Full PDB file with SEQRES, HELIX, SHEET, SSBOND, CRYST1, ORIGX, SCALE, CONECT and MASTER records, all heavy atoms in Angstrom:
SEQRES   1 A   41  TYR HIS THR ALA ALA LEU SER THR ASP ASN LEU ALA ARG          
SEQRES   2 A   41  GLU TYR PHE GLY ASP GLN ALA MET LEU GLY TYR VAL LYS          
SEQRES   3 A   41  ASN VAL GLN ARG GLU GLU ILE ARG GLN GLY ILE ALA CYS          
SEQRES   4 A   41  VAL LYS                                                      
HELIX    1 AA1 HIS A    2  TYR A   15  1                                  14    
HELIX    2 AA2 ALA A   20  TYR A   24  1                                   5    
HELIX    3 AA3 VAL A   25  GLN A   29  3                                   5    
HELIX    4 AA4 ARG A   30  ARG A   34  1                                   5    
HELIX    5 AA5 ALA A   38  VAL A   40  5                                   3    
CRYST1    1.000    1.000    1.000  90.00  90.00  90.00 P 1           1          
ORIGX1      1.000000  0.000000  0.000000        0.00000                         
ORIGX2      0.000000  1.000000  0.000000        0.00000                         
ORIGX3      0.000000  0.000000  1.000000        0.00000                         
SCALE1      1.000000  0.000000  0.000000        0.00000                         
SCALE2      0.000000  1.000000  0.000000        0.00000                         
SCALE3      0.000000  0.000000  1.000000        0.00000                         
ATOM      1  N   TYR A   1      -3.660  86.919 -29.343  1.00  0.00           N  
ATOM      2  CA  TYR A   1      -2.200  86.819 -29.348  1.00  0.00           C  
ATOM      3  C   TYR A   1      -1.731  87.048 -27.862  1.00  0.00           C  
ATOM      4  O   TYR A   1      -0.924  86.318 -27.371  1.00  0.00           O  
ATOM      5  CB  TYR A   1      -1.630  87.921 -30.249  1.00  0.00           C  
ATOM      6  CG  TYR A   1      -0.115  88.017 -30.350  1.00  0.00           C  
ATOM      7  CD1 TYR A   1       0.620  87.265 -31.205  1.00  0.00           C  
ATOM      8  CD2 TYR A   1       0.568  88.912 -29.471  1.00  0.00           C  
ATOM      9  CE1 TYR A   1       2.027  87.369 -31.264  1.00  0.00           C  
ATOM     10  CE2 TYR A   1       1.981  89.017 -29.525  1.00  0.00           C  
ATOM     11  CZ  TYR A   1       2.639  88.257 -30.495  1.00  0.00           C  
ATOM     12  OH  TYR A   1       4.049  88.334 -30.453  1.00  0.00           O  
ATOM     13  N   HIS A   2      -2.275  88.046 -27.235  1.00  0.00           N  
ATOM     14  CA  HIS A   2      -1.852  88.434 -25.875  1.00  0.00           C  
ATOM     15  C   HIS A   2      -2.397  87.440 -24.858  1.00  0.00           C  
ATOM     16  O   HIS A   2      -1.728  87.095 -23.962  1.00  0.00           O  
ATOM     17  CB  HIS A   2      -2.261  89.788 -25.571  1.00  0.00           C  
ATOM     18  CG  HIS A   2      -1.584  90.855 -26.332  1.00  0.00           C  
ATOM     19  ND1 HIS A   2      -0.267  91.280 -26.007  1.00  0.00           N  
ATOM     20  CD2 HIS A   2      -1.846  91.587 -27.508  1.00  0.00           C  
ATOM     21  CE1 HIS A   2       0.163  92.164 -26.894  1.00  0.00           C  
ATOM     22  NE2 HIS A   2      -0.817  92.330 -27.811  1.00  0.00           N  
ATOM     23  N   THR A   3      -3.659  86.974 -25.003  1.00  0.00           N  
ATOM     24  CA  THR A   3      -4.215  86.008 -24.025  1.00  0.00           C  
ATOM     25  C   THR A   3      -3.480  84.703 -24.116  1.00  0.00           C  
ATOM     26  O   THR A   3      -3.261  84.039 -23.089  1.00  0.00           O  
ATOM     27  CB  THR A   3      -5.716  85.839 -24.266  1.00  0.00           C  
ATOM     28  OG1 THR A   3      -5.904  85.477 -25.610  1.00  0.00           O  
ATOM     29  CG2 THR A   3      -6.482  87.054 -23.928  1.00  0.00           C  
ATOM     30  N   ALA A   4      -3.070  84.309 -25.284  1.00  0.00           N  
ATOM     31  CA  ALA A   4      -2.340  83.025 -25.454  1.00  0.00           C  
ATOM     32  C   ALA A   4      -1.013  83.159 -24.696  1.00  0.00           C  
ATOM     33  O   ALA A   4      -0.564  82.199 -24.023  1.00  0.00           O  
ATOM     34  CB  ALA A   4      -2.096  82.710 -26.989  1.00  0.00           C  
ATOM     35  N   ALA A   5      -0.305  84.293 -24.894  1.00  0.00           N  
ATOM     36  CA  ALA A   5       0.956  84.447 -24.182  1.00  0.00           C  
ATOM     37  C   ALA A   5       0.771  84.536 -22.687  1.00  0.00           C  
ATOM     38  O   ALA A   5       1.569  83.889 -21.919  1.00  0.00           O  
ATOM     39  CB  ALA A   5       1.603  85.752 -24.691  1.00  0.00           C  
ATOM     40  N   LEU A   6      -0.270  85.204 -22.171  1.00  0.00           N  
ATOM     41  CA  LEU A   6      -0.488  85.334 -20.733  1.00  0.00           C  
ATOM     42  C   LEU A   6      -0.846  84.040 -20.104  1.00  0.00           C  
ATOM     43  O   LEU A   6      -0.265  83.641 -19.100  1.00  0.00           O  
ATOM     44  CB  LEU A   6      -1.568  86.376 -20.497  1.00  0.00           C  
ATOM     45  CG  LEU A   6      -1.912  86.629 -19.030  1.00  0.00           C  
ATOM     46  CD1 LEU A   6      -0.767  87.155 -18.228  1.00  0.00           C  
ATOM     47  CD2 LEU A   6      -3.097  87.600 -18.890  1.00  0.00           C  
ATOM     48  N   SER A   7      -1.798  83.294 -20.756  1.00  0.00           N  
ATOM     49  CA  SER A   7      -2.232  82.071 -20.098  1.00  0.00           C  
ATOM     50  C   SER A   7      -1.066  81.015 -20.145  1.00  0.00           C  
ATOM     51  O   SER A   7      -0.910  80.233 -19.262  1.00  0.00           O  
ATOM     52  CB  SER A   7      -3.444  81.540 -20.834  1.00  0.00           C  
ATOM     53  OG  SER A   7      -3.197  81.248 -22.210  1.00  0.00           O  
ATOM     54  N   THR A   8      -0.330  81.024 -21.206  1.00  0.00           N  
ATOM     55  CA  THR A   8       0.776  80.059 -21.312  1.00  0.00           C  
ATOM     56  C   THR A   8       1.903  80.386 -20.256  1.00  0.00           C  
ATOM     57  O   THR A   8       2.477  79.500 -19.658  1.00  0.00           O  
ATOM     58  CB  THR A   8       1.415  80.088 -22.712  1.00  0.00           C  
ATOM     59  OG1 THR A   8       0.410  79.768 -23.659  1.00  0.00           O  
ATOM     60  CG2 THR A   8       2.549  79.043 -22.792  1.00  0.00           C  
ATOM     61  N   ASP A   9       2.177  81.662 -20.055  1.00  0.00           N  
ATOM     62  CA  ASP A   9       3.148  82.079 -19.047  1.00  0.00           C  
ATOM     63  C   ASP A   9       2.632  81.665 -17.659  1.00  0.00           C  
ATOM     64  O   ASP A   9       3.455  81.134 -16.859  1.00  0.00           O  
ATOM     65  CB  ASP A   9       3.260  83.617 -19.066  1.00  0.00           C  
ATOM     66  CG  ASP A   9       4.230  84.104 -18.036  1.00  0.00           C  
ATOM     67  OD1 ASP A   9       5.479  84.177 -18.309  1.00  0.00           O  
ATOM     68  OD2 ASP A   9       3.823  84.400 -16.918  1.00  0.00           O  
ATOM     69  N   ASN A  10       1.377  81.862 -17.401  1.00  0.00           N  
ATOM     70  CA  ASN A  10       0.832  81.457 -16.049  1.00  0.00           C  
ATOM     71  C   ASN A  10       0.909  79.984 -15.832  1.00  0.00           C  
ATOM     72  O   ASN A  10       1.273  79.541 -14.741  1.00  0.00           O  
ATOM     73  CB  ASN A  10      -0.599  81.912 -15.918  1.00  0.00           C  
ATOM     74  CG  ASN A  10      -0.683  83.447 -15.775  1.00  0.00           C  
ATOM     75  OD1 ASN A  10       0.330  84.158 -15.484  1.00  0.00           O  
ATOM     76  ND2 ASN A  10      -1.886  84.020 -16.053  1.00  0.00           N  
ATOM     77  N   LEU A  11       0.582  79.189 -16.838  1.00  0.00           N  
ATOM     78  CA  LEU A  11       0.656  77.747 -16.707  1.00  0.00           C  
ATOM     79  C   LEU A  11       2.126  77.260 -16.564  1.00  0.00           C  
ATOM     80  O   LEU A  11       2.357  76.368 -15.701  1.00  0.00           O  
ATOM     81  CB  LEU A  11      -0.024  77.063 -17.917  1.00  0.00           C  
ATOM     82  CG  LEU A  11       0.115  75.551 -18.024  1.00  0.00           C  
ATOM     83  CD1 LEU A  11      -0.578  74.875 -16.834  1.00  0.00           C  
ATOM     84  CD2 LEU A  11      -0.530  75.022 -19.330  1.00  0.00           C  
ATOM     85  N   ALA A  12       2.983  77.811 -17.362  1.00  0.00           N  
ATOM     86  CA  ALA A  12       4.418  77.433 -17.273  1.00  0.00           C  
ATOM     87  C   ALA A  12       5.031  77.727 -15.917  1.00  0.00           C  
ATOM     88  O   ALA A  12       5.725  76.878 -15.334  1.00  0.00           O  
ATOM     89  CB  ALA A  12       5.215  78.089 -18.365  1.00  0.00           C  
ATOM     90  N   ARG A  13       4.636  78.849 -15.343  1.00  0.00           N  
ATOM     91  CA  ARG A  13       5.142  79.245 -13.995  1.00  0.00           C  
ATOM     92  C   ARG A  13       4.744  78.283 -12.975  1.00  0.00           C  
ATOM     93  O   ARG A  13       5.471  77.858 -12.102  1.00  0.00           O  
ATOM     94  CB  ARG A  13       4.660  80.640 -13.621  1.00  0.00           C  
ATOM     95  CG  ARG A  13       5.149  81.161 -12.261  1.00  0.00           C  
ATOM     96  CD  ARG A  13       4.378  82.421 -11.864  1.00  0.00           C  
ATOM     97  NE  ARG A  13       2.958  82.182 -11.646  1.00  0.00           N  
ATOM     98  CZ  ARG A  13       1.995  82.889 -12.131  1.00  0.00           C  
ATOM     99  NH1 ARG A  13       2.257  83.961 -12.842  1.00  0.00           N  
ATOM    100  NH2 ARG A  13       0.673  82.577 -11.860  1.00  0.00           N  
ATOM    101  N   GLU A  14       3.471  77.803 -13.034  1.00  0.00           N  
ATOM    102  CA  GLU A  14       2.896  76.926 -11.978  1.00  0.00           C  
ATOM    103  C   GLU A  14       3.387  75.432 -12.277  1.00  0.00           C  
ATOM    104  O   GLU A  14       3.866  74.809 -11.335  1.00  0.00           O  
ATOM    105  CB  GLU A  14       1.364  76.925 -12.044  1.00  0.00           C  
ATOM    106  CG  GLU A  14       0.788  78.270 -11.688  1.00  0.00           C  
ATOM    107  CD  GLU A  14       0.983  78.627 -10.186  1.00  0.00           C  
ATOM    108  OE1 GLU A  14       0.766  77.736  -9.371  1.00  0.00           O  
ATOM    109  OE2 GLU A  14       1.416  79.778  -9.932  1.00  0.00           O  
ATOM    110  N   TYR A  15       3.197  75.009 -13.477  1.00  0.00           N  
ATOM    111  CA  TYR A  15       3.554  73.611 -13.756  1.00  0.00           C  
ATOM    112  C   TYR A  15       5.038  73.235 -13.604  1.00  0.00           C  
ATOM    113  O   TYR A  15       5.271  72.180 -13.081  1.00  0.00           O  
ATOM    114  CB  TYR A  15       3.015  73.271 -15.230  1.00  0.00           C  
ATOM    115  CG  TYR A  15       3.345  71.859 -15.673  1.00  0.00           C  
ATOM    116  CD1 TYR A  15       2.595  70.785 -15.160  1.00  0.00           C  
ATOM    117  CD2 TYR A  15       4.362  71.588 -16.536  1.00  0.00           C  
ATOM    118  CE1 TYR A  15       2.850  69.456 -15.526  1.00  0.00           C  
ATOM    119  CE2 TYR A  15       4.680  70.253 -16.911  1.00  0.00           C  
ATOM    120  CZ  TYR A  15       3.913  69.207 -16.410  1.00  0.00           C  
ATOM    121  OH  TYR A  15       4.193  67.942 -16.761  1.00  0.00           O  
ATOM    122  N   PHE A  16       5.864  74.098 -14.036  1.00  0.00           N  
ATOM    123  CA  PHE A  16       7.321  73.784 -13.925  1.00  0.00           C  
ATOM    124  C   PHE A  16       7.881  74.281 -12.580  1.00  0.00           C  
ATOM    125  O   PHE A  16       9.092  74.081 -12.346  1.00  0.00           O  
ATOM    126  CB  PHE A  16       8.062  74.466 -15.117  1.00  0.00           C  
ATOM    127  CG  PHE A  16       7.740  73.845 -16.451  1.00  0.00           C  
ATOM    128  CD1 PHE A  16       6.903  74.476 -17.342  1.00  0.00           C  
ATOM    129  CD2 PHE A  16       8.233  72.567 -16.762  1.00  0.00           C  
ATOM    130  CE1 PHE A  16       6.616  73.849 -18.589  1.00  0.00           C  
ATOM    131  CE2 PHE A  16       7.956  72.031 -18.001  1.00  0.00           C  
ATOM    132  CZ  PHE A  16       7.110  72.602 -18.927  1.00  0.00           C  
ATOM    133  N   GLY A  17       7.033  74.828 -11.731  1.00  0.00           N  
ATOM    134  CA  GLY A  17       7.374  75.255 -10.417  1.00  0.00           C  
ATOM    135  C   GLY A  17       6.940  74.219  -9.344  1.00  0.00           C  
ATOM    136  O   GLY A  17       6.654  73.072  -9.646  1.00  0.00           O  
ATOM    137  N   ASP A  18       6.746  74.734  -8.118  1.00  0.00           N  
ATOM    138  CA  ASP A  18       6.392  73.837  -7.064  1.00  0.00           C  
ATOM    139  C   ASP A  18       4.997  73.187  -7.212  1.00  0.00           C  
ATOM    140  O   ASP A  18       4.748  72.133  -6.672  1.00  0.00           O  
ATOM    141  CB  ASP A  18       6.434  74.648  -5.745  1.00  0.00           C  
ATOM    142  CG  ASP A  18       7.882  75.024  -5.370  1.00  0.00           C  
ATOM    143  OD1 ASP A  18       8.806  74.360  -5.850  1.00  0.00           O  
ATOM    144  OD2 ASP A  18       7.983  75.921  -4.515  1.00  0.00           O  
ATOM    145  N   GLN A  19       4.086  73.854  -7.875  1.00  0.00           N  
ATOM    146  CA  GLN A  19       2.746  73.346  -7.988  1.00  0.00           C  
ATOM    147  C   GLN A  19       2.616  72.122  -8.915  1.00  0.00           C  
ATOM    148  O   GLN A  19       1.696  71.347  -8.783  1.00  0.00           O  
ATOM    149  CB  GLN A  19       1.845  74.488  -8.482  1.00  0.00           C  
ATOM    150  CG  GLN A  19       1.579  75.618  -7.590  1.00  0.00           C  
ATOM    151  CD  GLN A  19       1.070  75.178  -6.224  1.00  0.00           C  
ATOM    152  OE1 GLN A  19       0.004  74.624  -6.180  1.00  0.00           O  
ATOM    153  NE2 GLN A  19       1.798  75.381  -5.199  1.00  0.00           N  
ATOM    154  N   ALA A  20       3.550  72.009  -9.839  1.00  0.00           N  
ATOM    155  CA  ALA A  20       3.658  70.825 -10.756  1.00  0.00           C  
ATOM    156  C   ALA A  20       2.174  70.563 -11.320  1.00  0.00           C  
ATOM    157  O   ALA A  20       1.548  71.468 -11.867  1.00  0.00           O  
ATOM    158  CB  ALA A  20       4.173  69.621 -10.029  1.00  0.00           C  
ATOM    159  N   MET A  21       1.732  69.355 -11.235  1.00  0.00           N  
ATOM    160  CA  MET A  21       0.472  68.944 -11.844  1.00  0.00           C  
ATOM    161  C   MET A  21      -0.721  69.750 -11.317  1.00  0.00           C  
ATOM    162  O   MET A  21      -1.724  69.996 -12.014  1.00  0.00           O  
ATOM    163  CB  MET A  21       0.244  67.436 -11.767  1.00  0.00           C  
ATOM    164  CG  MET A  21      -0.899  66.913 -12.615  1.00  0.00           C  
ATOM    165  SD  MET A  21      -0.592  67.302 -14.417  1.00  0.00           S  
ATOM    166  CE  MET A  21      -2.206  66.981 -15.043  1.00  0.00           C  
ATOM    167  N   LEU A  22      -0.598  70.100 -10.065  1.00  0.00           N  
ATOM    168  CA  LEU A  22      -1.726  70.926  -9.483  1.00  0.00           C  
ATOM    169  C   LEU A  22      -1.846  72.290 -10.222  1.00  0.00           C  
ATOM    170  O   LEU A  22      -2.953  72.817 -10.262  1.00  0.00           O  
ATOM    171  CB  LEU A  22      -1.438  71.152  -8.004  1.00  0.00           C  
ATOM    172  CG  LEU A  22      -2.570  71.963  -7.215  1.00  0.00           C  
ATOM    173  CD1 LEU A  22      -3.869  71.150  -7.305  1.00  0.00           C  
ATOM    174  CD2 LEU A  22      -2.138  72.177  -5.775  1.00  0.00           C  
ATOM    175  N   GLY A  23      -0.733  72.790 -10.673  1.00  0.00           N  
ATOM    176  CA  GLY A  23      -0.789  74.024 -11.503  1.00  0.00           C  
ATOM    177  C   GLY A  23      -1.684  73.967 -12.675  1.00  0.00           C  
ATOM    178  O   GLY A  23      -2.376  74.940 -13.049  1.00  0.00           O  
ATOM    179  N   TYR A  24      -1.670  72.794 -13.382  1.00  0.00           N  
ATOM    180  CA  TYR A  24      -2.622  72.548 -14.475  1.00  0.00           C  
ATOM    181  C   TYR A  24      -4.031  72.305 -13.932  1.00  0.00           C  
ATOM    182  O   TYR A  24      -5.002  72.901 -14.436  1.00  0.00           O  
ATOM    183  CB  TYR A  24      -2.150  71.386 -15.308  1.00  0.00           C  
ATOM    184  CG  TYR A  24      -3.108  71.009 -16.361  1.00  0.00           C  
ATOM    185  CD1 TYR A  24      -3.263  71.777 -17.532  1.00  0.00           C  
ATOM    186  CD2 TYR A  24      -4.025  69.918 -16.253  1.00  0.00           C  
ATOM    187  CE1 TYR A  24      -4.222  71.508 -18.562  1.00  0.00           C  
ATOM    188  CE2 TYR A  24      -4.960  69.611 -17.189  1.00  0.00           C  
ATOM    189  CZ  TYR A  24      -5.090  70.358 -18.297  1.00  0.00           C  
ATOM    190  OH  TYR A  24      -6.037  70.065 -19.266  1.00  0.00           O  
ATOM    191  N   VAL A  25      -4.179  71.333 -13.021  1.00  0.00           N  
ATOM    192  CA  VAL A  25      -5.502  70.913 -12.605  1.00  0.00           C  
ATOM    193  C   VAL A  25      -6.236  72.031 -11.910  1.00  0.00           C  
ATOM    194  O   VAL A  25      -7.420  72.290 -12.276  1.00  0.00           O  
ATOM    195  CB  VAL A  25      -5.395  69.763 -11.561  1.00  0.00           C  
ATOM    196  CG1 VAL A  25      -6.740  69.381 -10.947  1.00  0.00           C  
ATOM    197  CG2 VAL A  25      -4.800  68.508 -12.339  1.00  0.00           C  
ATOM    198  N   LYS A  26      -5.649  72.778 -11.034  1.00  0.00           N  
ATOM    199  CA  LYS A  26      -6.351  73.861 -10.260  1.00  0.00           C  
ATOM    200  C   LYS A  26      -6.723  75.035 -11.189  1.00  0.00           C  
ATOM    201  O   LYS A  26      -7.858  75.550 -11.097  1.00  0.00           O  
ATOM    202  CB  LYS A  26      -5.482  74.283  -9.126  1.00  0.00           C  
ATOM    203  CG  LYS A  26      -6.132  75.362  -8.272  1.00  0.00           C  
ATOM    204  CD  LYS A  26      -5.218  75.726  -7.145  1.00  0.00           C  
ATOM    205  CE  LYS A  26      -5.841  76.862  -6.253  1.00  0.00           C  
ATOM    206  NZ  LYS A  26      -4.956  77.221  -5.113  1.00  0.00           N  
ATOM    207  N   ASN A  27      -5.760  75.444 -12.005  1.00  0.00           N  
ATOM    208  CA  ASN A  27      -5.911  76.656 -12.781  1.00  0.00           C  
ATOM    209  C   ASN A  27      -6.460  76.455 -14.208  1.00  0.00           C  
ATOM    210  O   ASN A  27      -6.949  77.453 -14.815  1.00  0.00           O  
ATOM    211  CB  ASN A  27      -4.594  77.404 -12.921  1.00  0.00           C  
ATOM    212  CG  ASN A  27      -4.088  77.845 -11.537  1.00  0.00           C  
ATOM    213  OD1 ASN A  27      -4.805  78.338 -10.670  1.00  0.00           O  
ATOM    214  ND2 ASN A  27      -2.772  77.568 -11.236  1.00  0.00           N  
ATOM    215  N   VAL A  28      -6.506  75.247 -14.680  1.00  0.00           N  
ATOM    216  CA  VAL A  28      -6.992  74.978 -16.002  1.00  0.00           C  
ATOM    217  C   VAL A  28      -8.186  74.072 -15.905  1.00  0.00           C  
ATOM    218  O   VAL A  28      -9.337  74.472 -16.186  1.00  0.00           O  
ATOM    219  CB  VAL A  28      -5.916  74.448 -16.994  1.00  0.00           C  
ATOM    220  CG1 VAL A  28      -6.469  74.243 -18.392  1.00  0.00           C  
ATOM    221  CG2 VAL A  28      -4.759  75.420 -17.051  1.00  0.00           C  
ATOM    222  N   GLN A  29      -7.961  72.769 -15.662  1.00  0.00           N  
ATOM    223  CA  GLN A  29      -9.072  71.792 -15.801  1.00  0.00           C  
ATOM    224  C   GLN A  29     -10.225  72.093 -14.820  1.00  0.00           C  
ATOM    225  O   GLN A  29     -11.360  71.995 -15.194  1.00  0.00           O  
ATOM    226  CB  GLN A  29      -8.478  70.388 -15.584  1.00  0.00           C  
ATOM    227  CG  GLN A  29      -9.523  69.326 -15.986  1.00  0.00           C  
ATOM    228  CD  GLN A  29      -9.010  67.943 -15.755  1.00  0.00           C  
ATOM    229  OE1 GLN A  29      -8.952  67.442 -14.605  1.00  0.00           O  
ATOM    230  NE2 GLN A  29      -8.693  67.246 -16.840  1.00  0.00           N  
ATOM    231  N   ARG A  30      -9.826  72.344 -13.578  1.00  0.00           N  
ATOM    232  CA  ARG A  30     -10.901  72.587 -12.575  1.00  0.00           C  
ATOM    233  C   ARG A  30     -11.781  73.756 -13.015  1.00  0.00           C  
ATOM    234  O   ARG A  30     -13.022  73.763 -12.843  1.00  0.00           O  
ATOM    235  CB  ARG A  30     -10.282  72.804 -11.250  1.00  0.00           C  
ATOM    236  CG  ARG A  30     -11.255  72.718 -10.038  1.00  0.00           C  
ATOM    237  CD  ARG A  30     -10.545  72.795  -8.720  1.00  0.00           C  
ATOM    238  NE  ARG A  30      -9.719  71.674  -8.549  1.00  0.00           N  
ATOM    239  CZ  ARG A  30      -8.773  71.637  -7.512  1.00  0.00           C  
ATOM    240  NH1 ARG A  30      -8.593  72.628  -6.719  1.00  0.00           N  
ATOM    241  NH2 ARG A  30      -7.968  70.559  -7.368  1.00  0.00           N  
ATOM    242  N   GLU A  31     -11.142  74.790 -13.516  1.00  0.00           N  
ATOM    243  CA  GLU A  31     -11.882  75.964 -13.998  1.00  0.00           C  
ATOM    244  C   GLU A  31     -12.681  75.663 -15.219  1.00  0.00           C  
ATOM    245  O   GLU A  31     -13.800  76.235 -15.426  1.00  0.00           O  
ATOM    246  CB  GLU A  31     -10.884  77.144 -14.210  1.00  0.00           C  
ATOM    247  CG  GLU A  31     -10.264  77.742 -12.920  1.00  0.00           C  
ATOM    248  CD  GLU A  31     -11.364  78.157 -11.899  1.00  0.00           C  
ATOM    249  OE1 GLU A  31     -12.282  78.956 -12.301  1.00  0.00           O  
ATOM    250  OE2 GLU A  31     -11.331  77.771 -10.799  1.00  0.00           O  
ATOM    251  N   GLU A  32     -12.124  74.880 -16.115  1.00  0.00           N  
ATOM    252  CA  GLU A  32     -12.922  74.496 -17.296  1.00  0.00           C  
ATOM    253  C   GLU A  32     -14.216  73.807 -16.915  1.00  0.00           C  
ATOM    254  O   GLU A  32     -15.307  74.110 -17.441  1.00  0.00           O  
ATOM    255  CB  GLU A  32     -12.121  73.540 -18.173  1.00  0.00           C  
ATOM    256  CG  GLU A  32     -11.001  74.082 -18.994  1.00  0.00           C  
ATOM    257  CD  GLU A  32     -10.342  73.115 -19.894  1.00  0.00           C  
ATOM    258  OE1 GLU A  32      -9.799  72.155 -19.327  1.00  0.00           O  
ATOM    259  OE2 GLU A  32     -10.330  73.291 -21.077  1.00  0.00           O  
ATOM    260  N   ILE A  33     -14.095  72.906 -15.956  1.00  0.00           N  
ATOM    261  CA  ILE A  33     -15.249  72.150 -15.488  1.00  0.00           C  
ATOM    262  C   ILE A  33     -16.310  73.087 -14.840  1.00  0.00           C  
ATOM    263  O   ILE A  33     -17.456  73.077 -15.127  1.00  0.00           O  
ATOM    264  CB  ILE A  33     -14.861  71.015 -14.440  1.00  0.00           C  
ATOM    265  CG1 ILE A  33     -13.994  69.956 -15.189  1.00  0.00           C  
ATOM    266  CG2 ILE A  33     -16.127  70.363 -13.831  1.00  0.00           C  
ATOM    267  CD1 ILE A  33     -13.301  68.949 -14.250  1.00  0.00           C  
ATOM    268  N   ARG A  34     -15.797  73.886 -13.893  1.00  0.00           N  
ATOM    269  CA  ARG A  34     -16.700  74.747 -13.128  1.00  0.00           C  
ATOM    270  C   ARG A  34     -17.268  75.921 -13.943  1.00  0.00           C  
ATOM    271  O   ARG A  34     -18.439  76.351 -13.603  1.00  0.00           O  
ATOM    272  CB  ARG A  34     -15.965  75.217 -11.870  1.00  0.00           C  
ATOM    273  CG  ARG A  34     -15.691  74.126 -10.920  1.00  0.00           C  
ATOM    274  CD  ARG A  34     -14.923  74.535  -9.721  1.00  0.00           C  
ATOM    275  NE  ARG A  34     -14.787  73.420  -8.727  1.00  0.00           N  
ATOM    276  CZ  ARG A  34     -14.058  73.384  -7.642  1.00  0.00           C  
ATOM    277  NH1 ARG A  34     -13.358  74.474  -7.307  1.00  0.00           N  
ATOM    278  NH2 ARG A  34     -14.011  72.340  -6.839  1.00  0.00           N  
ATOM    279  N   GLN A  35     -16.567  76.358 -14.931  1.00  0.00           N  
ATOM    280  CA  GLN A  35     -17.118  77.444 -15.738  1.00  0.00           C  
ATOM    281  C   GLN A  35     -17.821  76.932 -17.034  1.00  0.00           C  
ATOM    282  O   GLN A  35     -18.383  77.721 -17.801  1.00  0.00           O  
ATOM    283  CB  GLN A  35     -15.983  78.353 -16.204  1.00  0.00           C  
ATOM    284  CG  GLN A  35     -15.292  79.100 -15.093  1.00  0.00           C  
ATOM    285  CD  GLN A  35     -14.223  80.049 -15.613  1.00  0.00           C  
ATOM    286  OE1 GLN A  35     -14.346  80.713 -16.621  1.00  0.00           O  
ATOM    287  NE2 GLN A  35     -13.112  80.179 -14.851  1.00  0.00           N  
ATOM    288  N   GLY A  36     -18.014  75.638 -17.142  1.00  0.00           N  
ATOM    289  CA  GLY A  36     -18.666  75.097 -18.254  1.00  0.00           C  
ATOM    290  C   GLY A  36     -18.025  75.295 -19.571  1.00  0.00           C  
ATOM    291  O   GLY A  36     -18.749  75.456 -20.560  1.00  0.00           O  
ATOM    292  N   ILE A  37     -16.702  75.193 -19.641  1.00  0.00           N  
ATOM    293  CA  ILE A  37     -15.952  75.377 -20.878  1.00  0.00           C  
ATOM    294  C   ILE A  37     -16.106  74.063 -21.727  1.00  0.00           C  
ATOM    295  O   ILE A  37     -15.661  73.024 -21.222  1.00  0.00           O  
ATOM    296  CB  ILE A  37     -14.513  75.710 -20.631  1.00  0.00           C  
ATOM    297  CG1 ILE A  37     -14.367  76.883 -19.719  1.00  0.00           C  
ATOM    298  CG2 ILE A  37     -13.791  75.919 -22.021  1.00  0.00           C  
ATOM    299  CD1 ILE A  37     -14.913  78.158 -20.296  1.00  0.00           C  
ATOM    300  N   ALA A  38     -16.738  74.145 -22.854  1.00  0.00           N  
ATOM    301  CA  ALA A  38     -17.042  72.947 -23.650  1.00  0.00           C  
ATOM    302  C   ALA A  38     -15.820  72.170 -23.925  1.00  0.00           C  
ATOM    303  O   ALA A  38     -15.755  70.936 -24.088  1.00  0.00           O  
ATOM    304  CB  ALA A  38     -17.805  73.333 -24.877  1.00  0.00           C  
ATOM    305  N   CYS A  39     -14.630  72.865 -24.070  1.00  0.00           N  
ATOM    306  CA  CYS A  39     -13.431  72.175 -24.592  1.00  0.00           C  
ATOM    307  C   CYS A  39     -12.830  71.247 -23.555  1.00  0.00           C  
ATOM    308  O   CYS A  39     -11.892  70.510 -23.839  1.00  0.00           O  
ATOM    309  CB  CYS A  39     -12.405  73.309 -24.816  1.00  0.00           C  
ATOM    310  SG  CYS A  39     -11.108  72.782 -25.951  1.00  0.00           S  
ATOM    311  N   VAL A  40     -13.375  71.219 -22.313  1.00  0.00           N  
ATOM    312  CA  VAL A  40     -12.893  70.260 -21.335  1.00  0.00           C  
ATOM    313  C   VAL A  40     -13.004  68.870 -21.826  1.00  0.00           C  
ATOM    314  O   VAL A  40     -12.302  67.930 -21.561  1.00  0.00           O  
ATOM    315  CB  VAL A  40     -13.583  70.431 -19.926  1.00  0.00           C  
ATOM    316  CG1 VAL A  40     -15.065  69.968 -19.997  1.00  0.00           C  
ATOM    317  CG2 VAL A  40     -12.860  69.645 -18.850  1.00  0.00           C  
ATOM    318  N   LYS A  41     -14.118  68.609 -22.659  1.00  0.00           N  
ATOM    319  CA  LYS A  41     -14.320  67.340 -23.339  1.00  0.00           C  
ATOM    320  C   LYS A  41     -13.619  67.499 -24.736  1.00  0.00           C  
ATOM    321  O   LYS A  41     -14.307  67.645 -25.718  1.00  0.00           O  
ATOM    322  CB  LYS A  41     -15.796  67.082 -23.485  1.00  0.00           C  
ATOM    323  CG  LYS A  41     -16.547  66.840 -22.190  1.00  0.00           C  
ATOM    324  CD  LYS A  41     -17.980  66.504 -22.459  1.00  0.00           C  
ATOM    325  CE  LYS A  41     -18.741  66.326 -21.138  1.00  0.00           C  
ATOM    326  NZ  LYS A  41     -20.153  65.967 -21.294  1.00  0.00           N  
TER     327      LYS A  41                                                      
MASTER        0    0    0    5    0    0    0    6  326    1    0    4          
END                                                                             
């Protein structure tokens, strides 16, 4: 419950702010790839 709230808050701050799409790519997708998170596919 808490991790969903925290991660969503962090993404919203970046994506709707100056980082825009980079906020998603850098903090979510790039980390999924590099950490081997299966859900990237």
